[in-house]
């Protein structure tokens, strides 16, 4: 996949606190990065959270390589499945 395959792109910079003892970004931190990107994507939809709730039912990450600090990252997202009561990003 290429970044151009994703219509929504969220840019961020790594933070010092994300570095672990091995001097790379801790694997668990990527969930936080993905959450930040997902929140920005959902804000575009103007969802009224008092009438609707969204639940993250599953997250799967395939790590490809280490990320060192400092780094600039781009998280690409798209809706890959749209159902009647659920969707996949």
Protein backbone atom coordinates (compact mmCIF):
# COMPACT_ATOMS: atom_id res chain seq x y z
CA UNK A 1 0.00 0.00 0.00
CA UNK A 2 1.03 3.56 -0.67
CA UNK A 3 0.20 6.63 1.37
CA UNK A 4 -1.73 7.95 -1.65
CA UNK A 5 -4.20 5.06 -1.17
CA UNK A 6 -5.48 6.75 1.99
CA UNK A 7 -7.69 9.83 1.56
CA UNK A 8 -7.24 10.98 5.16
CA UNK A 9 -3.72 11.62 6.39
CA UNK A 10 -2.77 12.69 9.89
CA UNK A 11 0.70 14.13 10.51
CA UNK A 12 2.43 13.99 13.87
CA UNK A 13 5.86 14.14 15.45
CA UNK A 14 7.22 11.61 17.91
CA UNK A 15 7.66 12.74 21.50
CA UNK A 16 10.56 12.12 23.86
CA UNK A 17 8.23 10.32 26.27
CA UNK A 18 7.42 7.76 23.55
CA UNK A 19 10.98 6.37 23.57
CA UNK A 20 11.62 3.12 25.42
CA UNK A 21 14.77 1.61 26.91
CA UNK A 22 15.81 0.33 23.46
CA UNK A 23 15.83 3.94 22.17
CA UNK A 24 13.01 3.48 19.71
CA UNK A 25 9.34 4.38 19.88
CA UNK A 26 7.58 1.89 22.15
CA UNK A 27 5.20 -0.43 20.28
CA UNK A 28 2.27 0.42 22.56
CA UNK A 29 2.63 4.11 21.67
CA UNK A 30 1.46 3.45 18.14
CA UNK A 31 -2.05 2.80 19.50
CA UNK A 32 -2.01 6.35 20.88
CA UNK A 33 -0.88 7.70 17.50
CA UNK A 34 -3.65 5.78 15.74
CA UNK A 35 -6.19 7.05 18.28
CA UNK A 36 -5.14 10.66 17.63
CA UNK A 37 -5.57 10.12 13.88
CA UNK A 38 -8.94 8.39 14.33
CA UNK A 39 -10.27 11.26 16.47
CA UNK A 40 -9.28 13.79 13.80
CA UNK A 41 -10.97 11.67 11.12
CA UNK A 42 -14.20 11.33 13.14
CA UNK A 43 -14.31 15.08 13.83
CA UNK A 44 -14.79 15.60 10.09
CA UNK A 45 -18.07 13.69 10.33
CA UNK A 46 -19.55 15.97 13.04
CA UNK A 47 -20.94 13.04 15.00
CA UNK A 48 -23.21 13.96 17.90
CA UNK A 49 -21.79 11.72 20.65
CA UNK A 50 -24.80 12.44 22.88
CA UNK A 51 -27.00 10.54 20.39
CA UNK A 52 -24.47 8.04 19.03
CA UNK A 53 -21.58 6.18 20.55
CA UNK A 54 -18.57 4.68 18.83
CA UNK A 55 -16.74 1.66 20.17
CA UNK A 56 -13.38 0.41 18.97
CA UNK A 57 -14.01 -3.33 18.83
CA UNK A 58 -10.65 -4.46 17.45
CA UNK A 59 -7.20 -3.14 16.60
CA UNK A 60 -4.52 -5.02 14.68
CA UNK A 61 -1.01 -3.69 14.05
CA UNK A 62 1.64 -5.27 11.86
CA UNK A 63 4.95 -3.67 12.77
CA UNK A 64 7.21 -3.22 9.75
CA UNK A 65 10.25 -1.47 11.21
CA UNK A 66 11.46 0.53 14.19
CA UNK A 67 10.79 4.25 14.50
CA UNK A 68 13.39 6.38 16.22
CA UNK A 69 12.94 9.74 17.90
CA UNK A 70 12.75 12.37 16.59
CA UNK A 71 10.61 11.40 13.58
CA UNK A 72 7.75 12.90 11.62
CA UNK A 73 5.02 10.38 10.86
CA UNK A 74 1.98 10.34 8.60
CA UNK A 75 -0.90 8.02 9.48
CA UNK A 76 -3.09 7.19 6.50
CA UNK A 77 -6.71 6.15 7.04
CA UNK A 78 -9.72 5.23 4.96
CA UNK A 79 -13.07 3.59 5.52
CA UNK A 80 -12.56 0.10 4.11
CA UNK A 81 -15.99 -1.34 4.98
CA UNK A 82 -19.31 0.36 5.61
CA UNK A 83 -22.14 -1.67 7.13
CA UNK A 84 -25.56 -0.77 8.52
CA UNK A 85 -24.32 -0.54 12.14
CA UNK A 86 -20.56 -0.67 11.88
CA UNK A 87 -17.61 0.33 9.74
CA UNK A 88 -13.92 -0.42 9.43
CA UNK A 89 -11.17 2.20 9.27
